């Protein structure tokens, strides 16, 4: 560095140290920059929390839909197995009742350990 650059920097430092207006403007600028950084951080954090909440809700919905699909498929398989067993055992009346009466259907599914 040249002597003139060093002298110039020292002059600016001296001006800053003795000029209250300049100091006040500097500290005001620093405060503004901290406020902006804080506001950005707060908004980013709020956006992240909102995004996580939306993602969780979507995930729960997808999981519920998949569970219902699997449950429905499993339920149909269990009912099919029950009806097949009732036919094999020659229980035509139970077969017909299972098709009409959901409570009786559930009871027999449990009795046959299909549910």
N, C-alpha and C. Protein backbone atom coordinates (compact mmCIF):
# COMPACT_ATOMS: atom_id res chain seq x y z
N UNK A 1 0.83 -1.19 0.00
CA UNK A 1 0.00 0.00 0.00
C UNK A 1 0.88 1.25 0.00
N UNK A 2 0.34 2.28 -0.59
CA UNK A 2 1.11 3.52 -0.64
C UNK A 2 0.87 4.35 0.63
N UNK A 3 1.79 5.23 0.87
CA UNK A 3 1.66 6.10 2.05
C UNK A 3 0.42 6.98 1.94
N UNK A 4 0.05 7.38 0.73
CA UNK A 4 -1.13 8.24 0.56
C UNK A 4 -2.40 7.47 0.91
N UNK A 5 -2.48 6.17 0.57
CA UNK A 5 -3.67 5.38 0.90
C UNK A 5 -3.80 5.24 2.42
N UNK A 6 -2.68 5.03 3.08
CA UNK A 6 -2.70 4.90 4.55
C UNK A 6 -3.09 6.23 5.18
N UNK A 7 -2.52 7.32 4.66
CA UNK A 7 -2.85 8.65 5.20
C UNK A 7 -4.34 8.94 5.00
N UNK A 8 -4.86 8.58 3.83
CA UNK A 8 -6.27 8.82 3.53
C UNK A 8 -7.17 8.03 4.49
N UNK A 9 -6.84 6.78 4.74
CA UNK A 9 -7.61 5.94 5.67
C UNK A 9 -7.57 6.53 7.07
N UNK A 10 -6.41 7.01 7.48
CA UNK A 10 -6.28 7.59 8.82
C UNK A 10 -7.09 8.89 8.93
N UNK A 11 -7.16 9.65 7.84
CA UNK A 11 -7.97 10.88 7.83
C UNK A 11 -9.45 10.54 8.00
N UNK A 12 -9.91 9.51 7.27
CA UNK A 12 -11.31 9.09 7.40
C UNK A 12 -11.63 8.61 8.82
N UNK A 13 -10.67 7.89 9.40
CA UNK A 13 -10.86 7.42 10.77
C UNK A 13 -10.98 8.59 11.74
N UNK A 14 -10.15 9.58 11.55
CA UNK A 14 -10.16 10.76 12.43
C UNK A 14 -11.49 11.50 12.27
N UNK A 15 -11.95 11.65 11.01
CA UNK A 15 -13.23 12.31 10.76
C UNK A 15 -14.36 11.56 11.45
N UNK A 16 -14.33 10.25 11.32
CA UNK A 16 -15.38 9.42 11.93
C UNK A 16 -15.37 9.58 13.45
N UNK A 17 -14.18 9.57 14.04
CA UNK A 17 -14.06 9.66 15.50
C UNK A 17 -14.53 11.00 16.03
N UNK A 18 -14.44 12.04 15.24
CA UNK A 18 -14.79 13.37 15.74
C UNK A 18 -16.13 13.88 15.23
N UNK A 19 -16.72 13.22 14.25
CA UNK A 19 -17.96 13.70 13.64
C UNK A 19 -19.15 12.88 14.17
N UNK A 20 -19.93 13.49 15.07
CA UNK A 20 -21.06 12.79 15.68
C UNK A 20 -22.17 12.46 14.67
N UNK A 21 -22.34 13.32 13.68
CA UNK A 21 -23.35 13.05 12.65
C UNK A 21 -22.99 11.78 11.86
N UNK A 22 -21.73 11.69 11.52
CA UNK A 22 -21.25 10.53 10.76
C UNK A 22 -21.39 9.25 11.59
N UNK A 23 -21.04 9.34 12.86
CA UNK A 23 -21.17 8.17 13.75
C UNK A 23 -22.63 7.77 13.88
N UNK A 24 -23.49 8.75 14.07
CA UNK A 24 -24.92 8.48 14.22
C UNK A 24 -25.49 7.81 12.97
N UNK A 25 -25.09 8.30 11.81
CA UNK A 25 -25.57 7.71 10.55
C UNK A 25 -25.07 6.26 10.42
N UNK A 26 -23.82 6.03 10.81
CA UNK A 26 -23.26 4.68 10.75
C UNK A 26 -24.04 3.72 11.66
N UNK A 27 -24.27 4.14 12.90
CA UNK A 27 -24.98 3.26 13.83
C UNK A 27 -26.43 3.05 13.41
N UNK A 28 -27.04 4.07 12.81
CA UNK A 28 -28.40 3.92 12.30
C UNK A 28 -28.42 2.90 11.16
N UNK A 29 -27.44 2.97 10.29
CA UNK A 29 -27.32 2.01 9.20
C UNK A 29 -27.14 0.59 9.75
N UNK A 30 -26.27 0.44 10.73
CA UNK A 30 -26.04 -0.88 11.34
C UNK A 30 -27.33 -1.43 11.97
N UNK A 31 -28.04 -0.57 12.69
CA UNK A 31 -29.29 -0.98 13.32
C UNK A 31 -30.31 -1.42 12.26
N UNK A 32 -30.41 -0.66 11.19
CA UNK A 32 -31.33 -1.00 10.09
C UNK A 32 -30.97 -2.36 9.49
N UNK A 33 -29.68 -2.58 9.27
CA UNK A 33 -29.25 -3.86 8.69
C UNK A 33 -29.58 -5.03 9.63
N UNK A 34 -29.41 -4.84 10.94
CA UNK A 34 -29.76 -5.90 11.90
C UNK A 34 -31.26 -6.15 11.91
N UNK A 35 -32.05 -5.08 11.84
CA UNK A 35 -33.52 -5.21 11.80
C UNK A 35 -33.96 -5.98 10.55
N UNK A 36 -33.35 -5.65 9.42
CA UNK A 36 -33.69 -6.35 8.18
C UNK A 36 -33.32 -7.82 8.29
N UNK A 37 -32.14 -8.11 8.80
CA UNK A 37 -31.70 -9.51 8.95
C UNK A 37 -32.64 -10.27 9.89
N UNK A 38 -33.05 -9.63 10.97
CA UNK A 38 -33.96 -10.26 11.92
C UNK A 38 -35.32 -10.53 11.30
N UNK A 39 -35.83 -9.55 10.54
CA UNK A 39 -37.13 -9.72 9.88
C UNK A 39 -37.06 -10.84 8.85
N UNK A 40 -35.98 -10.90 8.09
CA UNK A 40 -35.83 -11.97 7.09
C UNK A 40 -35.77 -13.34 7.76
N UNK A 41 -35.03 -13.42 8.86
CA UNK A 41 -34.93 -14.68 9.59
C UNK A 41 -36.31 -15.13 10.10
N UNK A 42 -37.05 -14.17 10.67
CA UNK A 42 -38.38 -14.49 11.20
C UNK A 42 -39.31 -14.97 10.10
N UNK A 43 -39.29 -14.30 8.97
CA UNK A 43 -40.15 -14.69 7.85
C UNK A 43 -39.74 -16.05 7.28
N UNK A 44 -38.45 -16.27 7.20
CA UNK A 44 -37.97 -17.56 6.70
C UNK A 44 -38.41 -18.68 7.63
N UNK A 45 -38.28 -18.45 8.93
CA UNK A 45 -38.67 -19.46 9.91
C UNK A 45 -40.18 -19.73 9.83
N UNK A 46 -40.98 -18.67 9.72
CA UNK A 46 -42.44 -18.82 9.61
C UNK A 46 -42.79 -19.58 8.33
N UNK A 47 -42.11 -19.26 7.23
CA UNK A 47 -42.36 -19.96 5.97
C UNK A 47 -41.99 -21.43 6.06
N UNK A 48 -40.90 -21.71 6.73
CA UNK A 48 -40.47 -23.11 6.89
C UNK A 48 -41.50 -23.88 7.73
N UNK A 49 -41.96 -23.28 8.82
CA UNK A 49 -42.96 -23.94 9.67
C UNK A 49 -44.26 -24.18 8.89
N UNK A 50 -44.66 -23.19 8.09
CA UNK A 50 -45.87 -23.33 7.28
C UNK A 50 -45.70 -24.45 6.26
N UNK A 51 -44.54 -24.50 5.62
CA UNK A 51 -44.25 -25.55 4.65
C UNK A 51 -44.26 -26.93 5.28
N UNK A 52 -43.68 -27.04 6.48
CA UNK A 52 -43.67 -28.32 7.18
C UNK A 52 -45.10 -28.75 7.53
N UNK A 53 -45.92 -27.80 7.95
CA UNK A 53 -47.30 -28.12 8.31
C UNK A 53 -48.07 -28.61 7.08
N UNK A 54 -47.91 -27.91 5.96
CA UNK A 54 -48.58 -28.31 4.72
C UNK A 54 -48.09 -29.70 4.30
N UNK A 55 -46.79 -29.93 4.38
CA UNK A 55 -46.23 -31.23 4.02
C UNK A 55 -46.75 -32.34 4.91
N UNK A 56 -46.87 -32.07 6.20
CA UNK A 56 -47.39 -33.07 7.13
C UNK A 56 -48.84 -33.39 6.81
N UNK A 57 -49.64 -32.35 6.54
CA UNK A 57 -51.05 -32.58 6.21
C UNK A 57 -51.19 -33.40 4.93
N UNK A 58 -50.37 -33.08 3.93
CA UNK A 58 -50.42 -33.84 2.68
C UNK A 58 -50.00 -35.28 2.91
N UNK A 59 -48.94 -35.46 3.70
CA UNK A 59 -48.47 -36.81 4.00
C UNK A 59 -49.51 -37.63 4.74
N UNK A 60 -50.19 -37.00 5.70
CA UNK A 60 -51.23 -37.70 6.45
C UNK A 60 -52.38 -38.10 5.51
N UNK A 61 -52.73 -37.19 4.60
CA UNK A 61 -53.83 -37.47 3.67
C UNK A 61 -53.45 -38.65 2.75
N UNK A 62 -52.24 -38.62 2.23
CA UNK A 62 -51.78 -39.71 1.36
C UNK A 62 -51.76 -41.02 2.14
N UNK A 63 -51.25 -40.97 3.36
CA UNK A 63 -51.20 -42.18 4.20
C UNK A 63 -52.58 -42.73 4.49
N UNK A 64 -53.51 -41.83 4.77
CA UNK A 64 -54.88 -42.26 5.06
C UNK A 64 -55.50 -42.90 3.82
N UNK A 65 -55.30 -42.28 2.66
CA UNK A 65 -55.85 -42.84 1.42
C UNK A 65 -55.26 -44.21 1.13
N UNK A 66 -53.95 -44.35 1.31
CA UNK A 66 -53.31 -45.65 1.09
C UNK A 66 -53.81 -46.68 2.08
N UNK A 67 -53.95 -46.26 3.33
CA UNK A 67 -54.45 -47.17 4.37
C UNK A 67 -55.86 -47.65 4.06
N UNK A 68 -56.70 -46.70 3.61
CA UNK A 68 -58.07 -47.07 3.27
C UNK A 68 -58.09 -48.05 2.09
N UNK A 69 -57.20 -47.81 1.12
CA UNK A 69 -57.12 -48.70 -0.03
C UNK A 69 -56.72 -50.11 0.41
N UNK A 70 -55.68 -50.17 1.23
CA UNK A 70 -55.20 -51.47 1.71
C UNK A 70 -56.26 -52.12 2.58
N UNK A 71 -56.88 -51.32 3.47
CA UNK A 71 -57.93 -51.86 4.34
C UNK A 71 -59.10 -52.37 3.54
N UNK A 72 -59.47 -51.64 2.50
CA UNK A 72 -60.59 -52.05 1.65
C UNK A 72 -60.25 -53.35 0.95
N UNK A 73 -59.04 -53.45 0.43
CA UNK A 73 -58.61 -54.66 -0.28
C UNK A 73 -58.57 -55.85 0.69
N UNK A 74 -58.01 -55.61 1.87
CA UNK A 74 -57.92 -56.66 2.88
C UNK A 74 -59.31 -57.09 3.32
N UNK A 75 -60.21 -56.11 3.49
CA UNK A 75 -61.58 -56.40 3.89
C UNK A 75 -62.31 -57.24 2.85
N UNK A 76 -62.10 -56.90 1.59
CA UNK A 76 -62.73 -57.68 0.51
C UNK A 76 -62.19 -59.10 0.48
N UNK A 77 -60.89 -59.24 0.70
CA UNK A 77 -60.29 -60.57 0.70
C UNK A 77 -60.84 -61.40 1.86
N UNK A 78 -60.98 -60.76 3.04
CA UNK A 78 -61.50 -61.47 4.21
C UNK A 78 -62.95 -61.89 3.97
N UNK A 79 -63.75 -60.99 3.42
CA UNK A 79 -65.15 -61.31 3.14
C UNK A 79 -65.24 -62.44 2.11
N UNK A 80 -64.42 -62.37 1.09
CA UNK A 80 -64.40 -63.42 0.07
C UNK A 80 -64.05 -64.77 0.69
N UNK A 81 -63.06 -64.79 1.56
CA UNK A 81 -62.66 -66.03 2.23
C UNK A 81 -63.80 -66.55 3.11
N UNK A 82 -64.46 -65.64 3.84
CA UNK A 82 -65.58 -66.04 4.70
C UNK A 82 -66.70 -66.66 3.87
N UNK A 83 -67.08 -66.00 2.79
CA UNK A 83 -68.16 -66.52 1.95
C UNK A 83 -67.79 -67.87 1.35
N UNK A 84 -66.56 -68.01 0.96
CA UNK A 84 -66.08 -69.28 0.42
C UNK A 84 -66.20 -70.38 1.48
N UNK A 85 -65.79 -70.11 2.71
CA UNK A 85 -65.88 -71.10 3.79
C UNK A 85 -67.33 -71.46 4.08
N UNK A 86 -68.22 -70.46 4.09
CA UNK A 86 -69.63 -70.73 4.35
C UNK A 86 -70.22 -71.62 3.26
N UNK A 87 -69.85 -71.39 2.02
CA UNK A 87 -70.33 -72.25 0.92
C UNK A 87 -69.79 -73.67 1.05
N UNK A 88 -68.50 -73.78 1.39
CA UNK A 88 -67.89 -75.10 1.56
C UNK A 88 -68.56 -75.87 2.70
N UNK A 89 -68.99 -75.16 3.74
CA UNK A 89 -69.64 -75.80 4.88
C UNK A 89 -71.14 -75.98 4.64
N UNK A 90 -71.63 -75.51 3.49
CA UNK A 90 -73.04 -75.68 3.16
C UNK A 90 -73.96 -74.79 3.98
N UNK A 91 -73.49 -73.66 4.43
CA UNK A 91 -74.30 -72.76 5.27
C UNK A 91 -74.87 -71.64 4.42
N UNK A 92 -75.83 -72.01 3.58
CA UNK A 92 -76.45 -71.07 2.64
C UNK A 92 -77.16 -69.92 3.36
N UNK A 93 -77.85 -70.23 4.49
CA UNK A 93 -78.56 -69.17 5.22
C UNK A 93 -77.58 -68.13 5.77
N UNK A 94 -76.45 -68.61 6.35
CA UNK A 94 -75.44 -67.68 6.87
C UNK A 94 -74.84 -66.85 5.73
N UNK A 95 -74.61 -67.51 4.60
CA UNK A 95 -74.07 -66.84 3.43
C UNK A 95 -74.97 -65.66 3.04
N UNK A 96 -76.27 -65.92 2.94
CA UNK A 96 -77.24 -64.88 2.58
C UNK A 96 -77.29 -63.78 3.65
N UNK A 97 -77.25 -64.19 4.93
CA UNK A 97 -77.33 -63.21 6.02
C UNK A 97 -76.10 -62.31 6.06
N UNK A 98 -74.94 -62.88 5.79
CA UNK A 98 -73.69 -62.11 5.77
C UNK A 98 -73.77 -61.00 4.72
N UNK A 99 -74.40 -61.31 3.59
CA UNK A 99 -74.53 -60.32 2.52
C UNK A 99 -75.51 -59.20 2.88
N UNK A 100 -76.48 -59.49 3.75
CA UNK A 100 -77.50 -58.49 4.12
C UNK A 100 -77.17 -57.75 5.41
N UNK A 101 -76.51 -58.38 6.35
CA UNK A 101 -76.35 -57.87 7.71
C UNK A 101 -74.86 -57.60 8.02
N UNK A 102 -74.48 -56.33 8.03
CA UNK A 102 -73.08 -55.97 8.27
C UNK A 102 -72.59 -56.36 9.66
N UNK A 103 -73.45 -56.24 10.66
CA UNK A 103 -73.05 -56.61 12.02
C UNK A 103 -72.77 -58.11 12.10
N UNK A 104 -73.62 -58.89 11.49
CA UNK A 104 -73.43 -60.35 11.49
C UNK A 104 -72.17 -60.70 10.69
N UNK A 105 -71.94 -59.97 9.61
CA UNK A 105 -70.74 -60.17 8.80
C UNK A 105 -69.49 -59.95 9.66
N UNK A 106 -69.46 -58.84 10.41
CA UNK A 106 -68.32 -58.55 11.29
C UNK A 106 -68.14 -59.64 12.34
N UNK A 107 -69.25 -60.10 12.90
CA UNK A 107 -69.21 -61.15 13.92
C UNK A 107 -68.57 -62.42 13.36
N UNK A 108 -69.01 -62.85 12.19
CA UNK A 108 -68.46 -64.07 11.60
C UNK A 108 -67.00 -63.89 11.17
N UNK A 109 -66.66 -62.71 10.69
CA UNK A 109 -65.26 -62.46 10.32
C UNK A 109 -64.35 -62.64 11.54
N UNK A 110 -64.81 -62.16 12.70
CA UNK A 110 -64.03 -62.34 13.92
C UNK A 110 -64.02 -63.81 14.35
N UNK A 111 -65.16 -64.47 14.27
CA UNK A 111 -65.24 -65.88 14.67
C UNK A 111 -64.32 -66.75 13.82
N UNK A 112 -64.24 -66.46 12.54
CA UNK A 112 -63.40 -67.23 11.64
C UNK A 112 -61.95 -66.71 11.61
N UNK A 113 -61.68 -65.76 12.50
CA UNK A 113 -60.33 -65.16 12.64
C UNK A 113 -59.84 -64.58 11.33
N UNK A 114 -60.74 -63.93 10.64
CA UNK A 114 -60.37 -63.27 9.39
C UNK A 114 -60.21 -61.76 9.58
N UNK A 115 -60.50 -61.32 10.78
CA UNK A 115 -60.37 -59.89 11.08
C UNK A 115 -59.76 -59.70 12.44
